[in-house]
């Protein structure tokens, strides 16, 4: 006899309609450092809400950060101890991304009304990107 499936854990991101808007509540763990080890899918859900009105956001593992500037330039920085892959999701108006230091260009793939660019993130490094329209 098998036992019924049980869902365990604590919800991280809550949302509820309130009046003419939506109220979001992000639950911060008691040990705030645990934010650094959330699964990539959870981080993507949080990033999708927090960065909803930005022209760029990340789909990346833990300890990969995005620093956005208002001139279509941004930095992807890895605080990881291992190499990983990050997807940079932008508005459709952005046709490519250029590494400001090396000049290397990333070509994106359309996903609905967004463009998705894949890049490798190495331990303790950062890359400055400029959007190509």
Protein backbone atom coordinates (compact mmCIF):
# COMPACT_ATOMS: atom_id res chain seq x y z
CA UNK A 1 0.00 0.00 0.00
CA UNK A 2 1.39 3.36 -0.95
CA UNK A 3 0.89 6.47 1.07
CA UNK A 4 -0.82 9.51 -0.48
CA UNK A 5 1.45 12.19 -1.92
CA UNK A 6 2.28 14.91 0.55
CA UNK A 7 3.42 18.38 -0.26
CA UNK A 8 5.86 19.74 2.24
CA UNK A 9 7.80 22.96 2.56
CA UNK A 10 7.09 26.61 2.91
CA UNK A 11 5.67 28.77 0.12
CA UNK A 12 8.20 31.38 -1.01
CA UNK A 13 6.21 33.68 -3.30
CA UNK A 14 2.54 34.46 -2.73
CA UNK A 15 0.24 36.54 -4.92
CA UNK A 16 -3.34 37.68 -4.51
CA UNK A 17 -5.62 40.05 -6.35
CA UNK A 18 -6.32 43.13 -4.28
CA UNK A 19 -8.61 45.90 -5.50
CA UNK A 20 -7.38 46.76 -9.02
CA UNK A 21 -3.94 45.22 -8.60
CA UNK A 22 -2.01 42.20 -7.44
CA UNK A 23 -0.27 41.96 -4.07
CA UNK A 24 2.94 39.90 -3.95
CA UNK A 25 4.58 38.66 -0.76
CA UNK A 26 8.08 37.21 -0.86
CA UNK A 27 8.84 35.07 2.16
CA UNK A 28 12.41 35.53 3.38
CA UNK A 29 13.87 32.51 5.21
CA UNK A 30 14.88 32.86 8.87
CA UNK A 31 18.47 32.22 7.75
CA UNK A 32 18.71 34.84 5.01
CA UNK A 33 21.73 33.10 3.52
CA UNK A 34 19.35 30.34 2.40
CA UNK A 35 18.26 32.69 -0.40
CA UNK A 36 21.59 31.88 -2.05
CA UNK A 37 20.66 28.22 -2.42
CA UNK A 38 17.11 28.36 -3.79
CA UNK A 39 16.47 26.13 -6.83
CA UNK A 40 16.74 27.76 -10.27
CA UNK A 41 12.99 27.34 -10.95
CA UNK A 42 12.11 29.19 -7.74
CA UNK A 43 14.58 31.97 -8.55
CA UNK A 44 13.14 32.27 -12.06
CA UNK A 45 9.61 32.67 -10.65
CA UNK A 46 10.82 35.40 -8.28
CA UNK A 47 12.84 37.13 -11.00
CA UNK A 48 9.85 37.06 -13.36
CA UNK A 49 7.77 39.00 -10.83
CA UNK A 50 10.46 41.40 -9.61
CA UNK A 51 11.82 42.15 -13.10
CA UNK A 52 8.48 42.09 -14.93
CA UNK A 53 8.75 45.72 -16.07
CA UNK A 54 12.45 45.60 -16.93
CA UNK A 55 13.81 45.04 -20.44
CA UNK A 56 16.05 42.21 -19.19
CA UNK A 57 15.94 39.40 -16.64
CA UNK A 58 17.79 36.18 -15.82
CA UNK A 59 16.94 32.51 -15.87
CA UNK A 60 19.97 31.24 -14.02
CA UNK A 61 21.11 29.08 -11.13
CA UNK A 62 21.64 30.43 -7.63
CA UNK A 63 24.42 32.94 -6.99
CA UNK A 64 24.18 34.56 -10.44
CA UNK A 65 23.22 38.23 -10.31
CA UNK A 66 21.96 40.84 -12.75
CA UNK A 67 22.86 44.54 -12.48
CA UNK A 68 20.81 46.66 -14.90
CA UNK A 69 21.56 50.18 -16.13
CA UNK A 70 19.22 52.55 -17.96
CA UNK A 71 21.31 52.72 -21.16
CA UNK A 72 20.58 49.15 -22.37
CA UNK A 73 23.72 47.93 -20.62
CA UNK A 74 23.80 45.34 -17.84
CA UNK A 75 26.16 43.04 -15.97
CA UNK A 76 25.74 39.32 -15.33
CA UNK A 77 27.95 38.30 -12.40
CA UNK A 78 28.60 34.83 -11.03
CA UNK A 79 29.39 34.26 -7.37
CA UNK A 80 29.28 30.50 -7.95
CA UNK A 81 32.09 28.03 -7.29
CA UNK A 82 31.31 26.13 -10.49
CA UNK A 83 30.60 26.91 -14.13
CA UNK A 84 26.96 27.09 -15.17
CA UNK A 85 24.63 28.27 -17.89
CA UNK A 86 22.45 31.36 -17.71
CA UNK A 87 19.69 32.48 -20.02
CA UNK A 88 19.24 36.22 -20.48
CA UNK A 89 15.66 37.10 -21.41
CA UNK A 90 15.08 40.47 -23.06
CA UNK A 91 12.38 42.46 -24.81
CA UNK A 92 11.89 41.46 -28.45
CA UNK A 93 13.31 44.82 -29.60
CA UNK A 94 16.79 43.60 -28.62
CA UNK A 95 18.22 41.62 -31.54
CA UNK A 96 21.58 40.77 -29.98
CA UNK A 97 23.88 41.25 -27.00
CA UNK A 98 27.48 42.43 -27.22
CA UNK A 99 30.14 41.69 -24.59
CA UNK A 100 31.51 45.19 -23.98
CA UNK A 101 35.03 43.94 -23.18
CA UNK A 102 35.59 41.27 -25.87
CA UNK A 103 33.16 42.46 -28.54
CA UNK A 104 31.68 38.94 -28.79
CA UNK A 105 28.02 38.97 -29.82
CA UNK A 106 25.29 36.64 -28.63
CA UNK A 107 22.44 35.80 -30.97
CA UNK A 108 19.06 35.27 -29.34
CA UNK A 109 16.21 32.89 -29.98
CA UNK A 110 12.64 34.20 -29.99
CA UNK A 111 10.29 32.99 -27.24
CA UNK A 112 6.88 34.59 -27.61
CA UNK A 113 7.36 38.34 -27.25
CA UNK A 114 10.85 37.89 -25.72
CA UNK A 115 14.35 37.05 -26.94
CA UNK A 116 16.46 34.48 -25.08
CA UNK A 117 20.27 34.50 -25.07
CA UNK A 118 22.32 31.70 -23.53
CA UNK A 119 25.72 32.29 -21.97
CA UNK A 120 28.22 30.46 -19.80
CA UNK A 121 28.86 31.87 -16.31
CA UNK A 122 32.23 31.00 -14.80
CA UNK A 123 33.11 31.11 -11.10
CA UNK A 124 33.76 34.58 -9.72
CA UNK A 125 33.47 36.40 -13.06
CA UNK A 126 31.21 39.00 -14.62
CA UNK A 127 30.33 40.08 -18.14
CA UNK A 128 29.15 43.52 -19.20
CA UNK A 129 26.59 43.33 -22.01
CA UNK A 130 25.27 46.04 -24.27
CA UNK A 131 21.99 45.53 -26.13
CA UNK A 132 22.08 45.59 -29.94
CA UNK A 133 18.85 46.75 -31.56
